[in-house]
């Protein structure tokens, strides 16, 4: 009944599960099998290619915000000898939040139209 809610849960869930897992590639099959395919594709007849592409990008928003993704967030702080170990994550957080909002709106506008 509410495709916007399904898209929002999928996109935010991808980001949140990526924060826990540390990698969008690990979160993608779980979130797609649990929410993406049954709700967005089957119930609301969304385009699976658009859903998968934007869903993966939503997962990468979570990668920008987690210390679990050490190769992106912790190693650069150590190599640059930053005083704050989480300084890279703090700098990337606003970009990740804006990207997640944009991805959610973009998916909602595109996945049901094509």
PDB file of N, CA and C in Angstrom:
ATOM      1  N   UNK A   1       0.806  -1.196   0.000  1.00  0.00           N
ATOM      2  CA  UNK A   1       0.000   0.000   0.000  1.00  0.00           C
ATOM      3  C   UNK A   1       0.852   1.264   0.000  1.00  0.00           C
ATOM      4  N   UNK A   2       2.075   1.171   0.501  1.00  0.00           N
ATOM      5  CA  UNK A   2       2.921   2.354   0.630  1.00  0.00           C
ATOM      6  C   UNK A   2       4.307   2.082   0.045  1.00  0.00           C
ATOM      7  N   UNK A   3       4.483   2.324  -1.246  1.00  0.00           N
ATOM      8  CA  UNK A   3       5.781   2.044  -1.865  1.00  0.00           C
ATOM      9  C   UNK A   3       6.914   2.921  -1.338  1.00  0.00           C
ATOM     10  N   UNK A   4       6.612   4.151  -0.924  1.00  0.00           N
ATOM     11  CA  UNK A   4       7.666   5.013  -0.381  1.00  0.00           C
ATOM     12  C   UNK A   4       8.255   4.410   0.889  1.00  0.00           C
ATOM     13  N   UNK A   5       7.404   3.834   1.723  1.00  0.00           N
ATOM     14  CA  UNK A   5       7.903   3.206   2.947  1.00  0.00           C
ATOM     15  C   UNK A   5       8.782   1.999   2.627  1.00  0.00           C
ATOM     16  N   UNK A   6       8.395   1.212   1.640  1.00  0.00           N
ATOM     17  CA  UNK A   6       9.205   0.053   1.255  1.00  0.00           C
ATOM     18  C   UNK A   6      10.573   0.497   0.752  1.00  0.00           C
ATOM     19  N   UNK A   7      10.600   1.545  -0.063  1.00  0.00           N
ATOM     20  CA  UNK A   7      11.868   2.061  -0.586  1.00  0.00           C
ATOM     21  C   UNK A   7      12.719   2.626   0.547  1.00  0.00           C
ATOM     22  N   UNK A   8      12.105   3.370   1.459  1.00  0.00           N
ATOM     23  CA  UNK A   8      12.854   3.955   2.572  1.00  0.00           C
ATOM     24  C   UNK A   8      13.430   2.876   3.483  1.00  0.00           C
ATOM     25  N   UNK A   9      12.631   1.856   3.784  1.00  0.00           N
ATOM     26  CA  UNK A   9      13.124   0.768   4.640  1.00  0.00           C
ATOM     27  C   UNK A   9      14.267   0.030   3.951  1.00  0.00           C
ATOM     28  N   UNK A  10      14.144  -0.187   2.653  1.00  0.00           N
ATOM     29  CA  UNK A  10      15.199  -0.885   1.917  1.00  0.00           C
ATOM     30  C   UNK A  10      16.489  -0.064   1.904  1.00  0.00           C
ATOM     31  N   UNK A  11      16.409   1.211   1.561  1.00  0.00           N
ATOM     32  CA  UNK A  11      17.614   2.045   1.464  1.00  0.00           C
ATOM     33  C   UNK A  11      18.268   2.259   2.828  1.00  0.00           C
ATOM     34  N   UNK A  12      17.475   2.625   3.821  1.00  0.00           N
ATOM     35  CA  UNK A  12      18.028   2.843   5.160  1.00  0.00           C
ATOM     36  C   UNK A  12      18.503   1.519   5.750  1.00  0.00           C
ATOM     37  N   UNK A  13      17.784   0.447   5.488  1.00  0.00           N
ATOM     38  CA  UNK A  13      18.214  -0.869   5.954  1.00  0.00           C
ATOM     39  C   UNK A  13      19.531  -1.301   5.343  1.00  0.00           C
ATOM     40  N   UNK A  14      19.709  -1.011   4.064  1.00  0.00           N
ATOM     41  CA  UNK A  14      20.995  -1.322   3.420  1.00  0.00           C
ATOM     42  C   UNK A  14      22.130  -0.578   4.112  1.00  0.00           C
ATOM     43  N   UNK A  15      21.935   0.707   4.371  1.00  0.00           N
ATOM     44  CA  UNK A  15      22.980   1.495   5.030  1.00  0.00           C
ATOM     45  C   UNK A  15      23.227   0.992   6.452  1.00  0.00           C
ATOM     46  N   UNK A  16      22.158   0.752   7.195  1.00  0.00           N
ATOM     47  CA  UNK A  16      22.306   0.310   8.585  1.00  0.00           C
ATOM     48  C   UNK A  16      22.946  -1.074   8.679  1.00  0.00           C
ATOM     49  N   UNK A  17      22.521  -1.983   7.833  1.00  0.00           N
ATOM     50  CA  UNK A  17      23.093  -3.330   7.862  1.00  0.00           C
ATOM     51  C   UNK A  17      24.549  -3.311   7.403  1.00  0.00           C
ATOM     52  N   UNK A  18      24.886  -2.398   6.511  1.00  0.00           N
ATOM     53  CA  UNK A  18      26.278  -2.255   6.092  1.00  0.00           C
ATOM     54  C   UNK A  18      27.132  -1.748   7.243  1.00  0.00           C
ATOM     55  N   UNK A  19      26.590  -0.855   8.066  1.00  0.00           N
ATOM     56  CA  UNK A  19      27.326  -0.375   9.238  1.00  0.00           C
ATOM     57  C   UNK A  19      27.653  -1.551  10.153  1.00  0.00           C
ATOM     58  N   UNK A  20      26.699  -2.442  10.353  1.00  0.00           N
ATOM     59  CA  UNK A  20      26.908  -3.602  11.222  1.00  0.00           C
ATOM     60  C   UNK A  20      27.880  -4.596  10.590  1.00  0.00           C
ATOM     61  N   UNK A  21      27.691  -4.877   9.300  1.00  0.00           N
ATOM     62  CA  UNK A  21      28.513  -5.875   8.612  1.00  0.00           C
ATOM     63  C   UNK A  21      29.878  -5.319   8.199  1.00  0.00           C
ATOM     64  N   UNK A  22      29.951  -4.015   7.955  1.00  0.00           N
ATOM     65  CA  UNK A  22      31.199  -3.407   7.526  1.00  0.00           C
ATOM     66  C   UNK A  22      31.402  -3.430   6.031  1.00  0.00           C
ATOM     67  N   UNK A  23      30.453  -4.003   5.297  1.00  0.00           N
ATOM     68  CA  UNK A  23      30.646  -4.150   3.859  1.00  0.00           C
ATOM     69  C   UNK A  23      29.283  -4.220   3.183  1.00  0.00           C
ATOM     70  N   UNK A  24      29.083  -3.389   2.168  1.00  0.00           N
ATOM     71  CA  UNK A  24      27.802  -3.378   1.457  1.00  0.00           C
ATOM     72  C   UNK A  24      27.573  -4.673   0.681  1.00  0.00           C
ATOM     73  N   UNK A  25      28.652  -5.330   0.282  1.00  0.00           N
ATOM     74  CA  UNK A  25      28.496  -6.579  -0.467  1.00  0.00           C
ATOM     75  C   UNK A  25      27.915  -7.685   0.411  1.00  0.00           C
ATOM     76  N   UNK A  26      28.131  -7.622   1.708  1.00  0.00           N
ATOM     77  CA  UNK A  26      27.548  -8.606   2.620  1.00  0.00           C
ATOM     78  C   UNK A  26      26.093  -8.274   2.930  1.00  0.00           C
ATOM     79  N   UNK A  27      25.768  -7.003   3.017  1.00  0.00           N
ATOM     80  CA  UNK A  27      24.402  -6.592   3.352  1.00  0.00           C
ATOM     81  C   UNK A  27      23.455  -6.715   2.161  1.00  0.00           C
ATOM     82  N   UNK A  28      23.975  -6.565   0.958  1.00  0.00           N
ATOM     83  CA  UNK A  28      23.133  -6.521  -0.239  1.00  0.00           C
ATOM     84  C   UNK A  28      22.247  -7.753  -0.430  1.00  0.00           C
ATOM     85  N   UNK A  29      22.774  -8.976  -0.404  1.00  0.00           N
ATOM     86  CA  UNK A  29      21.885 -10.125  -0.641  1.00  0.00           C
ATOM     87  C   UNK A  29      20.837 -10.306   0.451  1.00  0.00           C
ATOM     88  N   UNK A  30      21.190  -9.979   1.682  1.00  0.00           N
ATOM     89  CA  UNK A  30      20.244 -10.147   2.782  1.00  0.00           C
ATOM     90  C   UNK A  30      19.089  -9.160   2.653  1.00  0.00           C
ATOM     91  N   UNK A  31      19.400  -7.890   2.454  1.00  0.00           N
ATOM     92  CA  UNK A  31      18.354  -6.867   2.359  1.00  0.00           C
ATOM     93  C   UNK A  31      17.535  -7.018   1.078  1.00  0.00           C
ATOM     94  N   UNK A  32      18.185  -7.422   0.003  1.00  0.00           N
ATOM     95  CA  UNK A  32      17.458  -7.594  -1.255  1.00  0.00           C
ATOM     96  C   UNK A  32      16.503  -8.780  -1.164  1.00  0.00           C
ATOM     97  N   UNK A  33      16.950  -9.867  -0.558  1.00  0.00           N
ATOM     98  CA  UNK A  33      16.080 -11.040  -0.416  1.00  0.00           C
ATOM     99  C   UNK A  33      14.962 -10.806   0.594  1.00  0.00           C
ATOM    100  N   UNK A  34      15.226 -10.001   1.616  1.00  0.00           N
ATOM    101  CA  UNK A  34      14.232  -9.793   2.670  1.00  0.00           C
ATOM    102  C   UNK A  34      13.226  -8.693   2.351  1.00  0.00           C
ATOM    103  N   UNK A  35      13.676  -7.621   1.721  1.00  0.00           N
ATOM    104  CA  UNK A  35      12.800  -6.471   1.488  1.00  0.00           C
ATOM    105  C   UNK A  35      12.682  -6.119   0.014  1.00  0.00           C
ATOM    106  N   UNK A  36      13.800  -6.069  -0.679  1.00  0.00           N
ATOM    107  CA  UNK A  36      13.801  -5.601  -2.061  1.00  0.00           C
ATOM    108  C   UNK A  36      12.951  -6.418  -3.005  1.00  0.00           C
ATOM    109  N   UNK A  37      13.221  -7.694  -3.099  1.00  0.00           N
ATOM    110  CA  UNK A  37      12.466  -8.529  -4.039  1.00  0.00           C
ATOM    111  C   UNK A  37      11.007  -8.730  -3.637  1.00  0.00           C
ATOM    112  N   UNK A  38      10.717  -9.109  -2.382  1.00  0.00           N
ATOM    113  CA  UNK A  38       9.306  -9.343  -2.063  1.00  0.00           C
ATOM    114  C   UNK A  38       8.434  -8.084  -2.120  1.00  0.00           C
ATOM    115  N   UNK A  39       8.964  -6.957  -1.658  1.00  0.00           N
ATOM    116  CA  UNK A  39       8.132  -5.758  -1.592  1.00  0.00           C
ATOM    117  C   UNK A  39       8.258  -4.880  -2.830  1.00  0.00           C
ATOM    118  N   UNK A  40       9.474  -4.408  -3.097  1.00  0.00           N
ATOM    119  CA  UNK A  40       9.644  -3.434  -4.178  1.00  0.00           C
ATOM    120  C   UNK A  40       9.382  -4.062  -5.545  1.00  0.00           C
ATOM    121  N   UNK A  41       9.909  -5.257  -5.784  1.00  0.00           N
ATOM    122  CA  UNK A  41       9.764  -5.869  -7.113  1.00  0.00           C
ATOM    123  C   UNK A  41       8.432  -6.603  -7.253  1.00  0.00           C
ATOM    124  N   UNK A  42       8.128  -7.524  -6.346  1.00  0.00           N
ATOM    125  CA  UNK A  42       6.930  -8.353  -6.514  1.00  0.00           C
ATOM    126  C   UNK A  42       5.631  -7.645  -6.141  1.00  0.00           C
ATOM    127  N   UNK A  43       5.602  -7.003  -4.988  1.00  0.00           N
ATOM    128  CA  UNK A  43       4.345  -6.384  -4.555  1.00  0.00           C
ATOM    129  C   UNK A  43       4.049  -5.087  -5.304  1.00  0.00           C
ATOM    130  N   UNK A  44       5.085  -4.236  -5.475  1.00  0.00           N
ATOM    131  CA  UNK A  44       4.858  -2.927  -6.094  1.00  0.00           C
ATOM    132  C   UNK A  44       5.322  -2.866  -7.546  1.00  0.00           C
ATOM    133  N   UNK A  45       5.815  -3.962  -8.088  1.00  0.00           N
ATOM    134  CA  UNK A  45       6.218  -4.079  -9.495  1.00  0.00           C
ATOM    135  C   UNK A  45       7.309  -3.081  -9.887  1.00  0.00           C
ATOM    136  N   UNK A  46       8.324  -2.959  -9.032  1.00  0.00           N
ATOM    137  CA  UNK A  46       9.452  -2.084  -9.320  1.00  0.00           C
ATOM    138  C   UNK A  46      10.460  -2.759 -10.231  1.00  0.00           C
ATOM    139  N   UNK A  47      11.323  -1.966 -10.813  1.00  0.00           N
ATOM    140  CA  UNK A  47      12.369  -2.448 -11.712  1.00  0.00           C
ATOM    141  C   UNK A  47      13.525  -3.005 -10.871  1.00  0.00           C
ATOM    142  N   UNK A  48      13.851  -4.296 -11.000  1.00  0.00           N
ATOM    143  CA  UNK A  48      14.903  -4.878 -10.158  1.00  0.00           C
ATOM    144  C   UNK A  48      16.296  -4.320 -10.437  1.00  0.00           C
ATOM    145  N   UNK A  49      16.584  -3.931 -11.672  1.00  0.00           N
ATOM    146  CA  UNK A  49      17.911  -3.389 -11.986  1.00  0.00           C
ATOM    147  C   UNK A  49      18.124  -2.039 -11.305  1.00  0.00           C
ATOM    148  N   UNK A  50      17.124  -1.191 -11.364  1.00  0.00           N
ATOM    149  CA  UNK A  50      17.228   0.118 -10.711  1.00  0.00           C
ATOM    150  C   UNK A  50      17.298  -0.057  -9.200  1.00  0.00           C
ATOM    151  N   UNK A  51      16.477  -0.955  -8.670  1.00  0.00           N
ATOM    152  CA  UNK A  51      16.481  -1.213  -7.236  1.00  0.00           C
ATOM    153  C   UNK A  51      17.853  -1.697  -6.769  1.00  0.00           C
ATOM    154  N   UNK A  52      18.447  -2.613  -7.510  1.00  0.00           N
ATOM    155  CA  UNK A  52      19.741  -3.171  -7.112  1.00  0.00           C
ATOM    156  C   UNK A  52      20.849  -2.125  -7.185  1.00  0.00           C
ATOM    157  N   UNK A  53      20.871  -1.337  -8.246  1.00  0.00           N
ATOM    158  CA  UNK A  53      21.934  -0.344  -8.412  1.00  0.00           C
ATOM    159  C   UNK A  53      21.874   0.732  -7.332  1.00  0.00           C
ATOM    160  N   UNK A  54      20.702   1.285  -7.115  1.00  0.00           N
ATOM    161  CA  UNK A  54      20.581   2.345  -6.114  1.00  0.00           C
ATOM    162  C   UNK A  54      20.659   1.757  -4.706  1.00  0.00           C
ATOM    163  N   UNK A  55      20.195   0.533  -4.531  1.00  0.00           N
ATOM    164  CA  UNK A  55      20.303  -0.125  -3.235  1.00  0.00           C
ATOM    165  C   UNK A  55      21.749  -0.352  -2.833  1.00  0.00           C
ATOM    166  N   UNK A  56      22.568  -0.758  -3.780  1.00  0.00           N
ATOM    167  CA  UNK A  56      23.990  -0.954  -3.489  1.00  0.00           C
ATOM    168  C   UNK A  56      24.649   0.370  -3.125  1.00  0.00           C
ATOM    169  N   UNK A  57      24.294   1.429  -3.834  1.00  0.00           N
ATOM    170  CA  UNK A  57      24.842   2.748  -3.519  1.00  0.00           C
ATOM    171  C   UNK A  57      24.389   3.200  -2.129  1.00  0.00           C
ATOM    172  N   UNK A  58      23.187   2.841  -1.744  1.00  0.00           N
ATOM    173  CA  UNK A  58      22.717   3.148  -0.387  1.00  0.00           C
ATOM    174  C   UNK A  58      23.540   2.387   0.650  1.00  0.00           C
ATOM    175  N   UNK A  59      23.924   1.178   0.314  1.00  0.00           N
ATOM    176  CA  UNK A  59      24.789   0.419   1.210  1.00  0.00           C
ATOM    177  C   UNK A  59      26.147   1.069   1.388  1.00  0.00           C
ATOM    178  N   UNK A  60      26.657   1.662   0.331  1.00  0.00           N
ATOM    179  CA  UNK A  60      27.951   2.336   0.426  1.00  0.00           C
ATOM    180  C   UNK A  60      27.885   3.559   1.339  1.00  0.00           C
ATOM    181  N   UNK A  61      26.699   4.121   1.534  1.00  0.00           N
ATOM    182  CA  UNK A  61      26.544   5.206   2.507  1.00  0.00           C
ATOM    183  C   UNK A  61      26.867   4.693   3.910  1.00  0.00           C
ATOM    184  N   UNK A  62      26.510   3.458   4.185  1.00  0.00           N
ATOM    185  CA  UNK A  62      26.853   2.854   5.464  1.00  0.00           C
ATOM    186  C   UNK A  62      28.341   2.587   5.596  1.00  0.00           C
ATOM    187  N   UNK A  63      28.991   2.258   4.483  1.00  0.00           N
ATOM    188  CA  UNK A  63      30.433   2.021   4.503  1.00  0.00           C
ATOM    189  C   UNK A  63      31.186   3.275   4.927  1.00  0.00           C
ATOM    190  N   UNK A  64      30.682   4.427   4.545  1.00  0.00           N
ATOM    191  CA  UNK A  64      31.340   5.685   4.897  1.00  0.00           C
ATOM    192  C   UNK A  64      31.250   6.007   6.384  1.00  0.00           C
ATOM    193  N   UNK A  65      30.366   5.327   7.102  1.00  0.00           N
ATOM    194  CA  UNK A  65      30.098   5.714   8.490  1.00  0.00           C
ATOM    195  C   UNK A  65      30.462   4.649   9.520  1.00  0.00           C
ATOM    196  N   UNK A  66      31.223   3.653   9.162  1.00  0.00           N
ATOM    197  CA  UNK A  66      31.507   2.581  10.118  1.00  0.00           C
ATOM    198  C   UNK A  66      33.002   2.314  10.261  1.00  0.00           C
ATOM    199  N   UNK A  67      33.458   2.099  11.483  1.00  0.00           N
ATOM    200  CA  UNK A  67      34.850   1.684  11.666  1.00  0.00           C
ATOM    201  C   UNK A  67      35.097   0.245  11.223  1.00  0.00           C
ATOM    202  N   UNK A  68      34.016  -0.508  10.970  1.00  0.00           N
ATOM    203  CA  UNK A  68      34.174  -1.881  10.488  1.00  0.00           C
ATOM    204  C   UNK A  68      34.828  -1.907   9.108  1.00  0.00           C
ATOM    205  N   UNK A  69      34.654  -0.845   8.333  1.00  0.00           N
ATOM    206  CA  UNK A  69      35.290  -0.748   7.015  1.00  0.00           C
ATOM    207  C   UNK A  69      36.668  -0.121   7.209  1.00  0.00           C
ATOM    208  N   UNK A  70      37.548  -0.877   7.825  1.00  0.00           N
ATOM    209  CA  UNK A  70      38.841  -0.341   8.248  1.00  0.00           C
ATOM    210  C   UNK A  70      39.677   0.179   7.086  1.00  0.00           C
ATOM    211  N   UNK A  71      39.613  -0.492   5.935  1.00  0.00           N
ATOM    212  CA  UNK A  71      40.444  -0.060   4.819  1.00  0.00           C
ATOM    213  C   UNK A  71      40.047   1.324   4.312  1.00  0.00           C
ATOM    214  N   UNK A  72      38.791   1.739   4.524  1.00  0.00           N
ATOM    215  CA  UNK A  72      38.351   3.067   4.094  1.00  0.00           C
ATOM    216  C   UNK A  72      38.452   4.105   5.202  1.00  0.00           C
ATOM    217  N   UNK A  73      38.229   3.703   6.436  1.00  0.00           N
ATOM    218  CA  UNK A  73      38.025   4.678   7.499  1.00  0.00           C
ATOM    219  C   UNK A  73      39.091   4.698   8.587  1.00  0.00           C
ATOM    220  N   UNK A  74      39.668   3.573   8.930  1.00  0.00           N
ATOM    221  CA  UNK A  74      40.638   3.539  10.022  1.00  0.00           C
ATOM    222  C   UNK A  74      42.070   3.632   9.502  1.00  0.00           C
ATOM    223  N   UNK A  75      42.380   2.909   8.450  1.00  0.00           N
ATOM    224  CA  UNK A  75      43.743   2.916   7.903  1.00  0.00           C
ATOM    225  C   UNK A  75      44.168   4.316   7.453  1.00  0.00           C
ATOM    226  N   UNK A  76      43.324   5.073   6.725  1.00  0.00           N
ATOM    227  CA  UNK A  76      43.754   6.430   6.357  1.00  0.00           C
ATOM    228  C   UNK A  76      44.048   7.311   7.571  1.00  0.00           C
ATOM    229  N   UNK A  77      43.266   7.162   8.639  1.00  0.00           N
ATOM    230  CA  UNK A  77      43.519   7.946   9.847  1.00  0.00           C
ATOM    231  C   UNK A  77      44.865   7.577  10.456  1.00  0.00           C
ATOM    232  N   UNK A  78      45.213   6.305  10.418  1.00  0.00           N
ATOM    233  CA  UNK A  78      46.501   5.868  10.959  1.00  0.00           C
ATOM    234  C   UNK A  78      47.653   6.329  10.072  1.00  0.00           C
ATOM    235  N   UNK A  79      47.488   6.197   8.760  1.00  0.00           N
ATOM    236  CA  UNK A  79      48.556   6.607   7.846  1.00  0.00           C
ATOM    237  C   UNK A  79      48.807   8.110   7.885  1.00  0.00           C
ATOM    238  N   UNK A  80      47.746   8.883   8.032  1.00  0.00           N
ATOM    239  CA  UNK A  80      47.881  10.339   8.096  1.00  0.00           C
ATOM    240  C   UNK A  80      48.186  10.831   9.505  1.00  0.00           C
ATOM    241  N   UNK A  81      48.232   9.894  10.455  1.00  0.00           N
ATOM    242  CA  UNK A  81      48.500  10.199  11.859  1.00  0.00           C
ATOM    243  C   UNK A  81      47.563  11.277  12.387  1.00  0.00           C
ATOM    244  N   UNK A  82      46.280  11.104  12.114  1.00  0.00           N
ATOM    245  CA  UNK A  82      45.278  12.045  12.598  1.00  0.00           C
ATOM    246  C   UNK A  82      45.113  11.883  14.106  1.00  0.00           C
ATOM    247  N   UNK A  83      44.895  12.971  14.828  1.00  0.00           N
ATOM    248  CA  UNK A  83      44.729  12.850  16.283  1.00  0.00           C
ATOM    249  C   UNK A  83      43.447  12.109  16.678  1.00  0.00           C
ATOM    250  N   UNK A  84      42.418  12.222  15.856  1.00  0.00           N
ATOM    251  CA  UNK A  84      41.154  11.537  16.132  1.00  0.00           C
ATOM    252  C   UNK A  84      41.050  10.307  15.239  1.00  0.00           C
ATOM    253  N   UNK A  85      40.986   9.148  15.859  1.00  0.00           N
ATOM    254  CA  UNK A  85      40.930   7.900  15.090  1.00  0.00           C
ATOM    255  C   UNK A  85      39.689   7.826  14.197  1.00  0.00           C
ATOM    256  N   UNK A  86      38.602   8.433  14.632  1.00  0.00           N
ATOM    257  CA  UNK A  86      37.358   8.434  13.867  1.00  0.00           C
ATOM    258  C   UNK A  86      37.152   9.727  13.086  1.00  0.00           C
ATOM    259  N   UNK A  87      38.198  10.487  12.888  1.00  0.00           N
ATOM    260  CA  UNK A  87      38.089  11.758  12.172  1.00  0.00           C
ATOM    261  C   UNK A  87      37.617  11.604  10.741  1.00  0.00           C
ATOM    262  N   UNK A  88      38.050  10.546  10.081  1.00  0.00           N
ATOM    263  CA  UNK A  88      37.630  10.304   8.699  1.00  0.00           C
ATOM    264  C   UNK A  88      36.127  10.027   8.658  1.00  0.00           C
ATOM    265  N   UNK A  89      35.647   9.240   9.593  1.00  0.00           N
ATOM    266  CA  UNK A  89      34.215   8.920   9.645  1.00  0.00           C
ATOM    267  C   UNK A  89      33.402  10.179   9.924  1.00  0.00           C
ATOM    268  N   UNK A  90      33.851  10.995  10.858  1.00  0.00           N
ATOM    269  CA  UNK A  90      33.136  12.233  11.180  1.00  0.00           C
ATOM    270  C   UNK A  90      33.080  13.169   9.977  1.00  0.00           C
ATOM    271  N   UNK A  91      34.136  13.202   9.192  1.00  0.00           N
ATOM    272  CA  UNK A  91      34.151  14.060   8.004  1.00  0.00           C
ATOM    273  C   UNK A  91      33.221  13.529   6.911  1.00  0.00           C
ATOM    274  N   UNK A  92      33.060  12.214   6.844  1.00  0.00           N
ATOM    275  CA  UNK A  92      32.240  11.602   5.792  1.00  0.00           C
ATOM    276  C   UNK A  92      30.764  11.500   6.158  1.00  0.00           C
ATOM    277  N   UNK A  93      30.421  11.655   7.408  1.00  0.00           N
ATOM    278  CA  UNK A  93      29.044  11.468   7.870  1.00  0.00           C
ATOM    279  C   UNK A  93      28.026  12.381   7.182  1.00  0.00           C
ATOM    280  N   UNK A  94      28.263  13.692   7.048  1.00  0.00           N
ATOM    281  CA  UNK A  94      27.267  14.526   6.354  1.00  0.00           C
ATOM    282  C   UNK A  94      27.057  14.117   4.895  1.00  0.00           C
ATOM    283  N   UNK A  95      28.129  13.774   4.214  1.00  0.00           N
ATOM    284  CA  UNK A  95      28.010  13.333   2.821  1.00  0.00           C
ATOM    285  C   UNK A  95      27.207  12.043   2.736  1.00  0.00           C
ATOM    286  N   UNK A  96      27.473  11.116   3.631  1.00  0.00           N
ATOM    287  CA  UNK A  96      26.742   9.843   3.627  1.00  0.00           C
ATOM    288  C   UNK A  96      25.255  10.059   3.891  1.00  0.00           C
ATOM    289  N   UNK A  97      24.927  10.942   4.819  1.00  0.00           N
ATOM    290  CA  UNK A  97      23.515  11.201   5.127  1.00  0.00           C
ATOM    291  C   UNK A  97      22.802  11.839   3.938  1.00  0.00           C
ATOM    292  N   UNK A  98      23.436  12.817   3.310  1.00  0.00           N
ATOM    293  CA  UNK A  98      22.826  13.456   2.138  1.00  0.00           C
ATOM    294  C   UNK A  98      22.686  12.482   0.975  1.00  0.00           C
ATOM    295  N   UNK A  99      23.700  11.643   0.787  1.00  0.00           N
ATOM    296  CA  UNK A  99      23.624  10.644  -0.282  1.00  0.00           C
ATOM    297  C   UNK A  99      22.508   9.639  -0.028  1.00  0.00           C
ATOM    298  N   UNK A 100      22.327   9.245   1.214  1.00  0.00           N
ATOM    299  CA  UNK A 100      21.271   8.287   1.544  1.00  0.00           C
ATOM    300  C   UNK A 100      19.887   8.884   1.281  1.00  0.00           C
ATOM    301  N   UNK A 101      19.700  10.135   1.642  1.00  0.00           N
ATOM    302  CA  UNK A 101      18.424  10.809   1.358  1.00  0.00           C
ATOM    303  C   UNK A 101      18.205  10.908  -0.144  1.00  0.00           C
ATOM    304  N   UNK A 102      19.251  11.308  -0.871  1.00  0.00           N
ATOM    305  CA  UNK A 102      19.140  11.423  -2.330  1.00  0.00           C
ATOM    306  C   UNK A 102      18.860  10.067  -2.974  1.00  0.00           C
ATOM    307  N   UNK A 103      19.516   9.020  -2.498  1.00  0.00           N
ATOM    308  CA  UNK A 103      19.286   7.678  -3.043  1.00  0.00           C
ATOM    309  C   UNK A 103      17.854   7.216  -2.810  1.00  0.00           C
ATOM    310  N   UNK A 104      17.327   7.493  -1.629  1.00  0.00           N
ATOM    311  CA  UNK A 104      15.957   7.090  -1.321  1.00  0.00           C
ATOM    312  C   UNK A 104      14.968   7.793  -2.243  1.00  0.00           C
ATOM    313  N   UNK A 105      15.135   9.094  -2.403  1.00  0.00           N
ATOM    314  CA  UNK A 105      14.238   9.845  -3.287  1.00  0.00           C
ATOM    315  C   UNK A 105      14.411   9.432  -4.741  1.00  0.00           C
ATOM    316  N   UNK A 106      15.660   9.220  -5.144  1.00  0.00           N
ATOM    317  CA  UNK A 106      15.934   8.811  -6.521  1.00  0.00           C
ATOM    318  C   UNK A 106      15.317   7.445  -6.819  1.00  0.00           C
ATOM    319  N   UNK A 107      15.462   6.507  -5.888  1.00  0.00           N
ATOM    320  CA  UNK A 107      14.876   5.190  -6.111  1.00  0.00           C
ATOM    321  C   UNK A 107      13.355   5.286  -6.189  1.00  0.00           C
ATOM    322  N   UNK A 108      12.769   6.058  -5.297  1.00  0.00           N
ATOM    323  CA  UNK A 108      11.311   6.190  -5.313  1.00  0.00           C
ATOM    324  C   UNK A 108      10.823   6.787  -6.635  1.00  0.00           C
ATOM    325  N   UNK A 109      11.571   7.748  -7.168  1.00  0.00           N
ATOM    326  CA  UNK A 109      11.168   8.390  -8.428  1.00  0.00           C
ATOM    327  C   UNK A 109      11.391   7.495  -9.646  1.00  0.00           C
ATOM    328  N   UNK A 110      12.383   6.619  -9.599  1.00  0.00           N
ATOM    329  CA  UNK A 110      12.757   5.854 -10.791  1.00  0.00           C
ATOM    330  C   UNK A 110      12.282   4.404 -10.805  1.00  0.00           C
ATOM    331  N   UNK A 111      12.298   3.738  -9.669  1.00  0.00           N
ATOM    332  CA  UNK A 111      12.099   2.284  -9.663  1.00  0.00           C
ATOM    333  C   UNK A 111      10.693   1.875 -10.102  1.00  0.00           C
ATOM    334  N   UNK A 112       9.717   2.717  -9.905  1.00  0.00           N
ATOM    335  CA  UNK A 112       8.345   2.373 -10.280  1.00  0.00           C
ATOM    336  C   UNK A 112       7.936   2.949 -11.629  1.00  0.00           C
ATOM    337  N   UNK A 113       8.816   3.728 -12.256  1.00  0.00           N
ATOM    338  CA  UNK A 113       8.472   4.362 -13.524  1.00  0.00           C
ATOM    339  C   UNK A 113       9.068   3.665 -14.740  1.00  0.00           C
ATOM    340  N   UNK A 114      10.131   2.913 -14.547  1.00  0.00           N
ATOM    341  CA  UNK A 114      10.808   2.284 -15.697  1.00  0.00           C
ATOM    342  C   UNK A 114      10.769   0.775 -15.583  1.00  0.00           C
TER     343      UNK A 114
END
